Amino acid sequence: MKRRNFIPLIVMLMAGFISSLISITKQYNVTRSMIVIFVSMFLFYIIGLVARGIINSNVKQMEEREAERLRIEEEKRLEEEAMAALLAEEENGEETGTRAAEDMQIV
């Protein structure tokens, strides 16, 4: 499981912890403190979902760009190999042609 999936949970739990500390220091009664903790945890869970969505979107874009860059590099490498093979073939063809001409002159 990707660690990014835990972002909403961590944000929610941190908000719950902080709001419970505030409830204790302000000496809220139990009902008010439970309402404050529940509302803050719910809101921060939603905020965590939005943050996770933004992070996932950015990571996906970065992965797509990296894949595109690798694809372009691979195409360039293949083109260079093809050019090198073509040049080697032409050089071999010229050498064979000159040898055939020399052979014909000898005979």
PDB file of N, CA and C in Angstrom:
ATOM      1  N   MET A   1       0.848  -1.178   0.000  1.00  0.00           N
ATOM      2  CA  MET A   1       0.000   0.000   0.000  1.00  0.00           C
ATOM      3  C   MET A   1       0.892   1.239   0.000  1.00  0.00           C
ATOM      4  N   LYS A   2       0.544   2.195  -0.808  1.00  0.00           N
ATOM      5  CA  LYS A   2       1.348   3.397  -0.901  1.00  0.00           C
ATOM      6  C   LYS A   2       1.205   4.222   0.368  1.00  0.00           C
ATOM      7  N   ARG A   3       2.289   4.821   0.751  1.00  0.00           N
ATOM      8  CA  ARG A   3       2.278   5.634   1.969  1.00  0.00           C
ATOM      9  C   ARG A   3       1.412   6.877   1.821  1.00  0.00           C
ATOM     10  N   ARG A   4       1.226   7.306   0.591  1.00  0.00           N
ATOM     11  CA  ARG A   4       0.398   8.503   0.377  1.00  0.00           C
ATOM     12  C   ARG A   4      -1.051   8.269   0.793  1.00  0.00           C
ATOM     13  N   ASN A   5      -1.473   7.011   0.841  1.00  0.00           N
ATOM     14  CA  ASN A   5      -2.851   6.719   1.239  1.00  0.00           C
ATOM     15  C   ASN A   5      -3.096   7.004   2.712  1.00  0.00           C
ATOM     16  N   PHE A   6      -2.026   7.111   3.495  1.00  0.00           N
ATOM     17  CA  PHE A   6      -2.174   7.374   4.924  1.00  0.00           C
ATOM     18  C   PHE A   6      -2.251   8.864   5.259  1.00  0.00           C
ATOM     19  N   ILE A   7      -2.081   9.736   4.279  1.00  0.00           N
ATOM     20  CA  ILE A   7      -2.069  11.177   4.537  1.00  0.00           C
ATOM     21  C   ILE A   7      -3.356  11.646   5.224  1.00  0.00           C
ATOM     22  N   PRO A   8      -4.554  11.314   4.716  1.00  0.00           N
ATOM     23  CA  PRO A   8      -5.764  11.799   5.398  1.00  0.00           C
ATOM     24  C   PRO A   8      -5.878  11.300   6.835  1.00  0.00           C
ATOM     25  N   LEU A   9      -5.485  10.064   7.066  1.00  0.00           N
ATOM     26  CA  LEU A   9      -5.574   9.512   8.416  1.00  0.00           C
ATOM     27  C   LEU A   9      -4.627  10.212   9.380  1.00  0.00           C
ATOM     28  N   ILE A  10      -3.411  10.451   8.932  1.00  0.00           N
ATOM     29  CA  ILE A  10      -2.431  11.119   9.789  1.00  0.00           C
ATOM     30  C   ILE A  10      -2.868  12.545  10.101  1.00  0.00           C
ATOM     31  N   VAL A  11      -3.340  13.257   9.077  1.00  0.00           N
ATOM     32  CA  VAL A  11      -3.814  14.635   9.294  1.00  0.00           C
ATOM     33  C   VAL A  11      -4.997  14.639  10.251  1.00  0.00           C
ATOM     34  N   MET A  12      -5.919  13.723  10.081  1.00  0.00           N
ATOM     35  CA  MET A  12      -7.095  13.647  10.941  1.00  0.00           C
ATOM     36  C   MET A  12      -6.700  13.335  12.385  1.00  0.00           C
ATOM     37  N   LEU A  13      -5.808  12.373  12.577  1.00  0.00           N
ATOM     38  CA  LEU A  13      -5.400  12.014  13.925  1.00  0.00           C
ATOM     39  C   LEU A  13      -4.632  13.139  14.614  1.00  0.00           C
ATOM     40  N   MET A  14      -3.815  13.849  13.865  1.00  0.00           N
ATOM     41  CA  MET A  14      -3.106  14.992  14.448  1.00  0.00           C
ATOM     42  C   MET A  14      -4.090  16.071  14.871  1.00  0.00           C
ATOM     43  N   ALA A  15      -5.092  16.330  14.036  1.00  0.00           N
ATOM     44  CA  ALA A  15      -6.104  17.327  14.375  1.00  0.00           C
ATOM     45  C   ALA A  15      -6.891  16.892  15.612  1.00  0.00           C
ATOM     46  N   GLY A  16      -7.220  15.616  15.698  1.00  0.00           N
ATOM     47  CA  GLY A  16      -7.931  15.107  16.871  1.00  0.00           C
ATOM     48  C   GLY A  16      -7.102  15.241  18.133  1.00  0.00           C
ATOM     49  N   PHE A  17      -5.831  14.932  18.032  1.00  0.00           N
ATOM     50  CA  PHE A  17      -4.944  15.047  19.189  1.00  0.00           C
ATOM     51  C   PHE A  17      -4.825  16.498  19.647  1.00  0.00           C
ATOM     52  N   ILE A  18      -4.601  17.397  18.705  1.00  0.00           N
ATOM     53  CA  ILE A  18      -4.461  18.814  19.056  1.00  0.00           C
ATOM     54  C   ILE A  18      -5.762  19.364  19.621  1.00  0.00           C
ATOM     55  N   SER A  19      -6.887  19.017  18.997  1.00  0.00           N
ATOM     56  CA  SER A  19      -8.166  19.530  19.513  1.00  0.00           C
ATOM     57  C   SER A  19      -8.497  18.935  20.884  1.00  0.00           C
ATOM     58  N   SER A  20      -8.077  17.701  21.147  1.00  0.00           N
ATOM     59  CA  SER A  20      -8.311  17.142  22.488  1.00  0.00           C
ATOM     60  C   SER A  20      -7.434  17.832  23.527  1.00  0.00           C
ATOM     61  N   LEU A  21      -6.203  18.172  23.164  1.00  0.00           N
ATOM     62  CA  LEU A  21      -5.350  18.926  24.085  1.00  0.00           C
ATOM     63  C   LEU A  21      -5.943  20.299  24.386  1.00  0.00           C
ATOM     64  N   ILE A  22      -6.452  20.952  23.353  1.00  0.00           N
ATOM     65  CA  ILE A  22      -7.075  22.263  23.554  1.00  0.00           C
ATOM     66  C   ILE A  22      -8.316  22.126  24.431  1.00  0.00           C
ATOM     67  N   SER A  23      -9.106  21.094  24.204  1.00  0.00           N
ATOM     68  CA  SER A  23     -10.310  20.870  25.020  1.00  0.00           C
ATOM     69  C   SER A  23      -9.953  20.654  26.492  1.00  0.00           C
ATOM     70  N   ILE A  24      -8.861  19.943  26.739  1.00  0.00           N
ATOM     71  CA  ILE A  24      -8.439  19.697  28.117  1.00  0.00           C
ATOM     72  C   ILE A  24      -7.942  20.982  28.773  1.00  0.00           C
ATOM     73  N   THR A  25      -7.122  21.757  28.018  1.00  0.00           N
ATOM     74  CA  THR A  25      -6.568  22.980  28.621  1.00  0.00           C
ATOM     75  C   THR A  25      -7.643  24.042  28.824  1.00  0.00           C
ATOM     76  N   LYS A  26      -8.631  24.086  27.956  1.00  0.00           N
ATOM     77  CA  LYS A  26      -9.722  25.064  28.096  1.00  0.00           C
ATOM     78  C   LYS A  26     -10.808  24.562  29.046  1.00  0.00           C
ATOM     79  N   GLN A  27     -10.711  23.310  29.474  1.00  0.00           N
ATOM     80  CA  GLN A  27     -11.651  22.676  30.397  1.00  0.00           C
ATOM     81  C   GLN A  27     -13.090  22.681  29.866  1.00  0.00           C
ATOM     82  N   TYR A  28     -13.233  22.239  28.600  1.00  0.00           N
ATOM     83  CA  TYR A  28     -14.567  22.081  28.022  1.00  0.00           C
ATOM     84  C   TYR A  28     -15.252  20.903  28.699  1.00  0.00           C
ATOM     85  N   ASN A  29     -16.590  20.936  28.724  1.00  0.00           N
ATOM     86  CA  ASN A  29     -17.289  19.755  29.243  1.00  0.00           C
ATOM     87  C   ASN A  29     -17.206  18.635  28.200  1.00  0.00           C
ATOM     88  N   VAL A  30     -17.567  17.440  28.573  1.00  0.00           N
ATOM     89  CA  VAL A  30     -17.361  16.256  27.731  1.00  0.00           C
ATOM     90  C   VAL A  30     -18.112  16.366  26.411  1.00  0.00           C
ATOM     91  N   THR A  31     -19.369  16.822  26.473  1.00  0.00           N
ATOM     92  CA  THR A  31     -20.176  16.917  25.250  1.00  0.00           C
ATOM     93  C   THR A  31     -19.553  17.903  24.273  1.00  0.00           C
ATOM     94  N   ARG A  32     -19.190  19.076  24.758  1.00  0.00           N
ATOM     95  CA  ARG A  32     -18.609  20.099  23.876  1.00  0.00           C
ATOM     96  C   ARG A  32     -17.267  19.606  23.340  1.00  0.00           C
ATOM     97  N   SER A  33     -16.486  18.976  24.189  1.00  0.00           N
ATOM     98  CA  SER A  33     -15.189  18.520  23.730  1.00  0.00           C
ATOM     99  C   SER A  33     -15.328  17.430  22.664  1.00  0.00           C
ATOM    100  N   MET A  34     -16.277  16.516  22.802  1.00  0.00           N
ATOM    101  CA  MET A  34     -16.493  15.482  21.788  1.00  0.00           C
ATOM    102  C   MET A  34     -16.946  16.091  20.468  1.00  0.00           C
ATOM    103  N   ILE A  35     -17.806  17.087  20.527  1.00  0.00           N
ATOM    104  CA  ILE A  35     -18.268  17.763  19.304  1.00  0.00           C
ATOM    105  C   ILE A  35     -17.102  18.452  18.617  1.00  0.00           C
ATOM    106  N   VAL A  36     -16.287  19.167  19.396  1.00  0.00           N
ATOM    107  CA  VAL A  36     -15.139  19.880  18.823  1.00  0.00           C
ATOM    108  C   VAL A  36     -14.161  18.886  18.191  1.00  0.00           C
ATOM    109  N   ILE A  37     -13.894  17.803  18.887  1.00  0.00           N
ATOM    110  CA  ILE A  37     -12.951  16.804  18.356  1.00  0.00           C
ATOM    111  C   ILE A  37     -13.507  16.156  17.097  1.00  0.00           C
ATOM    112  N   PHE A  38     -14.788  15.776  17.111  1.00  0.00           N
ATOM    113  CA  PHE A  38     -15.384  15.132  15.943  1.00  0.00           C
ATOM    114  C   PHE A  38     -15.375  16.063  14.731  1.00  0.00           C
ATOM    115  N   VAL A  39     -15.800  17.309  14.938  1.00  0.00           N
ATOM    116  CA  VAL A  39     -15.848  18.263  13.811  1.00  0.00           C
ATOM    117  C   VAL A  39     -14.441  18.519  13.271  1.00  0.00           C
ATOM    118  N   SER A  40     -13.478  18.727  14.165  1.00  0.00           N
ATOM    119  CA  SER A  40     -12.122  19.002  13.686  1.00  0.00           C
ATOM    120  C   SER A  40     -11.548  17.785  12.955  1.00  0.00           C
ATOM    121  N   MET A  41     -11.793  16.583  13.460  1.00  0.00           N
ATOM    122  CA  MET A  41     -11.282  15.389  12.777  1.00  0.00           C
ATOM    123  C   MET A  41     -11.933  15.215  11.409  1.00  0.00           C
ATOM    124  N   PHE A  42     -13.225  15.464  11.317  1.00  0.00           N
ATOM    125  CA  PHE A  42     -13.926  15.346  10.038  1.00  0.00           C
ATOM    126  C   PHE A  42     -13.390  16.359   9.028  1.00  0.00           C
ATOM    127  N   LEU A  43     -13.253  17.610   9.450  1.00  0.00           N
ATOM    128  CA  LEU A  43     -12.760  18.649   8.535  1.00  0.00           C
ATOM    129  C   LEU A  43     -11.330  18.355   8.090  1.00  0.00           C
ATOM    130  N   PHE A  44     -10.499  17.937   9.015  1.00  0.00           N
ATOM    131  CA  PHE A  44      -9.122  17.673   8.632  1.00  0.00           C
ATOM    132  C   PHE A  44      -8.984  16.377   7.833  1.00  0.00           C
ATOM    133  N   TYR A  45      -9.906  15.463   7.959  1.00  0.00           N
ATOM    134  CA  TYR A  45      -9.906  14.286   7.092  1.00  0.00           C
ATOM    135  C   TYR A  45     -10.193  14.717   5.651  1.00  0.00           C
ATOM    136  N   ILE A  46     -11.166  15.610   5.483  1.00  0.00           N
ATOM    137  CA  ILE A  46     -11.474  16.139   4.146  1.00  0.00           C
ATOM    138  C   ILE A  46     -10.260  16.884   3.586  1.00  0.00           C
ATOM    139  N   ILE A  47      -9.619  17.695   4.424  1.00  0.00           N
ATOM    140  CA  ILE A  47      -8.416  18.416   3.982  1.00  0.00           C
ATOM    141  C   ILE A  47      -7.326  17.424   3.589  1.00  0.00           C
ATOM    142  N   GLY A  48      -7.164  16.343   4.341  1.00  0.00           N
ATOM    143  CA  GLY A  48      -6.183  15.311   4.009  1.00  0.00           C
ATOM    144  C   GLY A  48      -6.489  14.626   2.691  1.00  0.00           C
ATOM    145  N   LEU A  49      -7.783  14.397   2.423  1.00  0.00           N
ATOM    146  CA  LEU A  49      -8.167  13.797   1.134  1.00  0.00           C
ATOM    147  C   LEU A  49      -7.788  14.710  -0.025  1.00  0.00           C
ATOM    148  N   VAL A  50      -8.047  15.998   0.142  1.00  0.00           N
ATOM    149  CA  VAL A  50      -7.698  16.966  -0.905  1.00  0.00           C
ATOM    150  C   VAL A  50      -6.181  16.999  -1.091  1.00  0.00           C
ATOM    151  N   ALA A  51      -5.441  17.016   0.027  1.00  0.00           N
ATOM    152  CA  ALA A  51      -3.975  17.038  -0.066  1.00  0.00           C
ATOM    153  C   ALA A  51      -3.458  15.782  -0.759  1.00  0.00           C
ATOM    154  N   ARG A  52      -4.022  14.624  -0.420  1.00  0.00           N
ATOM    155  CA  ARG A  52      -3.608  13.374  -1.064  1.00  0.00           C
ATOM    156  C   ARG A  52      -3.898  13.405  -2.562  1.00  0.00           C
ATOM    157  N   GLY A  53      -5.062  13.953  -2.931  1.00  0.00           N
ATOM    158  CA  GLY A  53      -5.398  14.055  -4.350  1.00  0.00           C
ATOM    159  C   GLY A  53      -4.426  14.941  -5.108  1.00  0.00           C
ATOM    160  N   ILE A  54      -4.053  16.060  -4.504  1.00  0.00           N
ATOM    161  CA  ILE A  54      -3.097  16.963  -5.143  1.00  0.00           C
ATOM    162  C   ILE A  54      -1.735  16.291  -5.279  1.00  0.00           C
ATOM    163  N   ILE A  55      -1.290  15.638  -4.222  1.00  0.00           N
ATOM    164  CA  ILE A  55       0.013  14.965  -4.253  1.00  0.00           C
ATOM    165  C   ILE A  55       0.004  13.836  -5.280  1.00  0.00           C
ATOM    166  N   ASN A  56      -1.051  13.032  -5.302  1.00  0.00           N
ATOM    167  CA  ASN A  56      -1.143  11.938  -6.286  1.00  0.00           C
ATOM    168  C   ASN A  56      -1.134  12.471  -7.710  1.00  0.00           C
ATOM    169  N   SER A  57      -1.829  13.585  -7.929  1.00  0.00           N
ATOM    170  CA  SER A  57      -1.867  14.185  -9.260  1.00  0.00           C
ATOM    171  C   SER A  57      -0.469  14.637  -9.685  1.00  0.00           C
ATOM    172  N   ASN A  58       0.246  15.294  -8.766  1.00  0.00           N
ATOM    173  CA  ASN A  58       1.593  15.761  -9.089  1.00  0.00           C
ATOM    174  C   ASN A  58       2.545  14.597  -9.328  1.00  0.00           C
ATOM    175  N   VAL A  59       2.442  13.561  -8.517  1.00  0.00           N
ATOM    176  CA  VAL A  59       3.313  12.393  -8.696  1.00  0.00           C
ATOM    177  C   VAL A  59       3.019  11.714 -10.030  1.00  0.00           C
ATOM    178  N   LYS A  60       1.749  11.619 -10.382  1.00  0.00           N
ATOM    179  CA  LYS A  60       1.375  10.996 -11.654  1.00  0.00           C
ATOM    180  C   LYS A  60       1.939  11.792 -12.830  1.00  0.00           C
ATOM    181  N   GLN A  61       1.852  13.121 -12.761  1.00  0.00           N
ATOM    182  CA  GLN A  61       2.401  13.955 -13.824  1.00  0.00           C
ATOM    183  C   GLN A  61       3.910  13.775 -13.924  1.00  0.00           C
ATOM    184  N   MET A  62       4.582  13.711 -12.774  1.00  0.00           N
ATOM    185  CA  MET A  62       6.030  13.522 -12.787  1.00  0.00           C
ATOM    186  C   MET A  62       6.397  12.171 -13.383  1.00  0.00           C
ATOM    187  N   GLU A  63       5.642  11.128 -13.059  1.00  0.00           N
ATOM    188  CA  GLU A  63       5.906   9.798 -13.616  1.00  0.00           C
ATOM    189  C   GLU A  63       5.672   9.778 -15.123  1.00  0.00           C
ATOM    190  N   GLU A  64       4.624  10.470 -15.582  1.00  0.00           N
ATOM    191  CA  GLU A  64       4.350  10.530 -17.017  1.00  0.00           C
ATOM    192  C   GLU A  64       5.466  11.264 -17.755  1.00  0.00           C
ATOM    193  N   ARG A  65       5.938  12.380 -17.165  1.00  0.00           N
ATOM    194  CA  ARG A  65       7.041  13.117 -17.789  1.00  0.00           C
ATOM    195  C   ARG A  65       8.305  12.271 -17.844  1.00  0.00           C
ATOM    196  N   GLU A  66       8.577  11.540 -16.772  1.00  0.00           N
ATOM    197  CA  GLU A  66       9.758  10.679 -16.738  1.00  0.00           C
ATOM    198  C   GLU A  66       9.644   9.565 -17.780  1.00  0.00           C
ATOM    199  N   ALA A  67       8.470   8.980 -17.907  1.00  0.00           N
ATOM    200  CA  ALA A  67       8.266   7.928 -18.908  1.00  0.00           C
ATOM    201  C   ALA A  67       8.440   8.490 -20.319  1.00  0.00           C
ATOM    202  N   GLU A  68       7.939   9.682 -20.565  1.00  0.00           N
ATOM    203  CA  GLU A  68       8.082  10.316 -21.871  1.00  0.00           C
ATOM    204  C   GLU A  68       9.555  10.606 -22.163  1.00  0.00           C
ATOM    205  N   ARG A  69      10.284  11.094 -21.152  1.00  0.00           N
ATOM    206  CA  ARG A  69      11.700  11.388 -21.328  1.00  0.00           C
ATOM    207  C   ARG A  69      12.470  10.109 -21.647  1.00  0.00           C
ATOM    208  N   LEU A  70      12.156   9.025 -20.945  1.00  0.00           N
ATOM    209  CA  LEU A  70      12.829   7.755 -21.203  1.00  0.00           C
ATOM    210  C   LEU A  70      12.493   7.215 -22.595  1.00  0.00           C
ATOM    211  N   ARG A  71      11.240   7.395 -23.008  1.00  0.00           N
ATOM    212  CA  ARG A  71      10.838   6.949 -24.343  1.00  0.00           C
ATOM    213  C   ARG A  71      11.606   7.715 -25.421  1.00  0.00           C
ATOM    214  N   ILE A  72      11.742   9.031 -25.241  1.00  0.00           N
ATOM    215  CA  ILE A  72      12.464   9.851 -26.215  1.00  0.00           C
ATOM    216  C   ILE A  72      13.939   9.462 -26.252  1.00  0.00           C
ATOM    217  N   GLU A  73      14.536   9.233 -25.083  1.00  0.00           N
ATOM    218  CA  GLU A  73      15.938   8.803 -25.046  1.00  0.00           C
ATOM    219  C   GLU A  73      16.126   7.461 -25.747  1.00  0.00           C
ATOM    220  N   GLU A  74      15.183   6.554 -25.548  1.00  0.00           N
ATOM    221  CA  GLU A  74      15.264   5.237 -26.190  1.00  0.00           C
ATOM    222  C   GLU A  74      15.155   5.376 -27.708  1.00  0.00           C
ATOM    223  N   GLU A  75      14.250   6.248 -28.171  1.00  0.00           N
ATOM    224  CA  GLU A  75      14.111   6.467 -29.615  1.00  0.00           C
ATOM    225  C   GLU A  75      15.391   7.055 -30.193  1.00  0.00           C
ATOM    226  N   LYS A  76      16.007   8.014 -29.485  1.00  0.00           N
ATOM    227  CA  LYS A  76      17.257   8.607 -29.963  1.00  0.00           C
ATOM    228  C   LYS A  76      18.359   7.557 -30.025  1.00  0.00           C
ATOM    229  N   ARG A  77      18.430   6.705 -28.994  1.00  0.00           N
ATOM    230  CA  ARG A  77      19.449   5.669 -28.961  1.00  0.00           C
ATOM    231  C   ARG A  77      19.262   4.697 -30.136  1.00  0.00           C
ATOM    232  N   LEU A  78      18.005   4.329 -30.405  1.00  0.00           N
ATOM    233  CA  LEU A  78      17.732   3.423 -31.518  1.00  0.00           C
ATOM    234  C   LEU A  78      18.069   4.066 -32.858  1.00  0.00           C
ATOM    235  N   GLU A  79      17.783   5.363 -33.002  1.00  0.00           N
ATOM    236  CA  GLU A  79      18.121   6.072 -34.240  1.00  0.00           C
ATOM    237  C   GLU A  79      19.636   6.116 -34.437  1.00  0.00           C
ATOM    238  N   GLU A  80      20.363   6.382 -33.338  1.00  0.00           N
ATOM    239  CA  GLU A  80      21.821   6.422 -33.436  1.00  0.00           C
ATOM    240  C   GLU A  80      22.386   5.052 -33.807  1.00  0.00           C
ATOM    241  N   GLU A  81      21.836   3.997 -33.228  1.00  0.00           N
ATOM    242  CA  GLU A  81      22.282   2.647 -33.569  1.00  0.00           C
ATOM    243  C   GLU A  81      21.979   2.322 -35.028  1.00  0.00           C
ATOM    244  N   ALA A  82      20.822   2.752 -35.500  1.00  0.00           N
ATOM    245  CA  ALA A  82      20.458   2.507 -36.895  1.00  0.00           C
ATOM    246  C   ALA A  82      21.395   3.261 -37.831  1.00  0.00           C
ATOM    247  N   MET A  83      21.724   4.495 -37.476  1.00  0.00           N
ATOM    248  CA  MET A  83      22.645   5.284 -38.308  1.00  0.00           C
ATOM    249  C   MET A  83      24.031   4.647 -38.318  1.00  0.00           C
ATOM    250  N   ALA A  84      24.483   4.193 -37.146  1.00  0.00           N
ATOM    251  CA  ALA A  84      25.795   3.554 -37.073  1.00  0.00           C
ATOM    252  C   ALA A  84      25.804   2.273 -37.903  1.00  0.00           C
ATOM    253  N   ALA A  85      24.732   1.502 -37.841  1.00  0.00           N
ATOM    254  CA  ALA A  85      24.642   0.274 -38.629  1.00  0.00           C
ATOM    255  C   ALA A  85      24.622   0.592 -40.122  1.00  0.00           C
ATOM    256  N   LEU A  86      23.900   1.639 -40.491  1.00  0.00           N
ATOM    257  CA  LEU A  86      23.825   2.036 -41.895  1.00  0.00           C
ATOM    258  C   LEU A  86      25.187   2.488 -42.401  1.00  0.00           C
ATOM    259  N   LEU A  87      25.894   3.272 -41.604  1.00  0.00           N
ATOM    260  CA  LEU A  87      27.228   3.731 -42.008  1.00  0.00           C
ATOM    261  C   LEU A  87      28.189   2.545 -42.114  1.00  0.00           C
ATOM    262  N   ALA A  88      28.107   1.624 -41.174  1.00  0.00           N
ATOM    263  CA  ALA A  88      28.973   0.444 -41.235  1.00  0.00           C
ATOM    264  C   ALA A  88      28.651  -0.393 -42.465  1.00  0.00           C
ATOM    265  N   GLU A  89      27.399  -0.497 -42.797  1.00  0.00           N
ATOM    266  CA  GLU A  89      26.985  -1.263 -43.976  1.00  0.00           C
ATOM    267  C   GLU A  89      27.491  -0.599 -45.247  1.00  0.00           C
ATOM    268  N   GLU A  90      27.408   0.742 -45.302  1.00  0.00           N
ATOM    269  CA  GLU A  90      27.903   1.456 -46.484  1.00  0.00           C
ATOM    270  C   GLU A  90      29.406   1.291 -46.624  1.00  0.00           C
ATOM    271  N   GLU A  91      30.126   1.360 -45.483  1.00  0.00           N
ATOM    272  CA  GLU A  91      31.579   1.191 -45.540  1.00  0.00           C
ATOM    273  C   GLU A  91      31.932  -0.222 -45.998  1.00  0.00           C
ATOM    274  N   ASN A  92      31.226  -1.210 -45.510  1.00  0.00           N
ATOM    275  CA  ASN A  92      31.475  -2.592 -45.930  1.00  0.00           C
ATOM    276  C   ASN A  92      31.133  -2.772 -47.400  1.00  0.00           C
ATOM    277  N   GLY A  93      30.078  -2.128 -47.856  1.00  0.00           N
ATOM    278  CA  GLY A  93      29.676  -2.225 -49.261  1.00  0.00           C
ATOM    279  C   GLY A  93      30.708  -1.593 -50.176  1.00  0.00           C
ATOM    280  N   GLU A  94      31.299  -0.466 -49.801  1.00  0.00           N
ATOM    281  CA  GLU A  94      32.321   0.187 -50.616  1.00  0.00           C
ATOM    282  C   GLU A  94      33.586  -0.657 -50.660  1.00  0.00           C
ATOM    283  N   GLU A  95      33.964  -1.225 -49.516  1.00  0.00           N
ATOM    284  CA  GLU A  95      35.158  -2.071 -49.503  1.00  0.00           C
ATOM    285  C   GLU A  95      34.955  -3.296 -50.379  1.00  0.00           C
ATOM    286  N   THR A  96      33.793  -3.897 -50.323  1.00  0.00           N
ATOM    287  CA  THR A  96      33.496  -5.066 -51.137  1.00  0.00           C
ATOM    288  C   THR A  96      33.498  -4.676 -52.607  1.00  0.00           C
ATOM    289  N   GLY A  97      32.945  -3.516 -52.934  1.00  0.00           N
ATOM    290  CA  GLY A  97      32.903  -3.063 -54.318  1.00  0.00           C
ATOM    291  C   GLY A  97      34.275  -2.772 -54.868  1.00  0.00           C
ATOM    292  N   THR A  98      35.159  -2.173 -54.072  1.00  0.00           N
ATOM    293  CA  THR A  98      36.511  -1.882 -54.551  1.00  0.00           C
ATOM    294  C   THR A  98      37.317  -3.160 -54.693  1.00  0.00           C
ATOM    295  N   ARG A  99      37.109  -4.106 -53.795  1.00  0.00           N
ATOM    296  CA  ARG A  99      37.804  -5.382 -53.913  1.00  0.00           C
ATOM    297  C   ARG A  99      37.340  -6.128 -55.158  1.00  0.00           C
ATOM    298  N   ALA A 100      36.058  -6.065 -55.451  1.00  0.00           N
ATOM    299  CA  ALA A 100      35.542  -6.746 -56.642  1.00  0.00           C
ATOM    300  C   ALA A 100      36.148  -6.107 -57.887  1.00  0.00           C
ATOM    301  N   ALA A 101      36.279  -4.785 -57.885  1.00  0.00           N
ATOM    302  CA  ALA A 101      36.875  -4.093 -59.042  1.00  0.00           C
ATOM    303  C   ALA A 101      38.339  -4.471 -59.183  1.00  0.00           C
ATOM    304  N   GLU A 102      39.066  -4.540 -58.053  1.00  0.00           N
ATOM    305  CA  GLU A 102      40.480  -4.937 -58.108  1.00  0.00           C
ATOM    306  C   GLU A 102      40.602  -6.382 -58.611  1.00  0.00           C
ATOM    307  N   ASP A 103      39.713  -7.245 -58.141  1.00  0.00           N
ATOM    308  CA  ASP A 103      39.737  -8.639 -58.578  1.00  0.00           C
ATOM    309  C   ASP A 103      39.515  -8.721 -60.080  1.00  0.00           C
ATOM    310  N   MET A 104      38.634  -7.876 -60.587  1.00  0.00           N
ATOM    311  CA  MET A 104      38.335  -7.911 -62.014  1.00  0.00           C
ATOM    312  C   MET A 104      39.540  -7.413 -62.819  1.00  0.00           C
ATOM    313  N   GLN A 105      40.294  -6.478 -62.301  1.00  0.00           N
ATOM    314  CA  GLN A 105      41.450  -5.958 -63.009  1.00  0.00           C
ATOM    315  C   GLN A 105      42.576  -6.991 -63.046  1.00  0.00           C
ATOM    316  N   ILE A 106      42.684  -7.745 -62.004  1.00  0.00           N
ATOM    317  CA  ILE A 106      43.738  -8.752 -61.945  1.00  0.00           C
ATOM    318  C   ILE A 106      43.485  -9.853 -62.957  1.00  0.00           C
ATOM    319  N   VAL A 107      42.268 -10.194 -63.129  1.00  0.00           N
ATOM    320  CA  VAL A 107      41.943 -11.311 -64.001  1.00  0.00           C
ATOM    321  C   VAL A 107      42.067 -10.914 -65.417  1.00  0.00           C
TER     322      VAL A 107
END
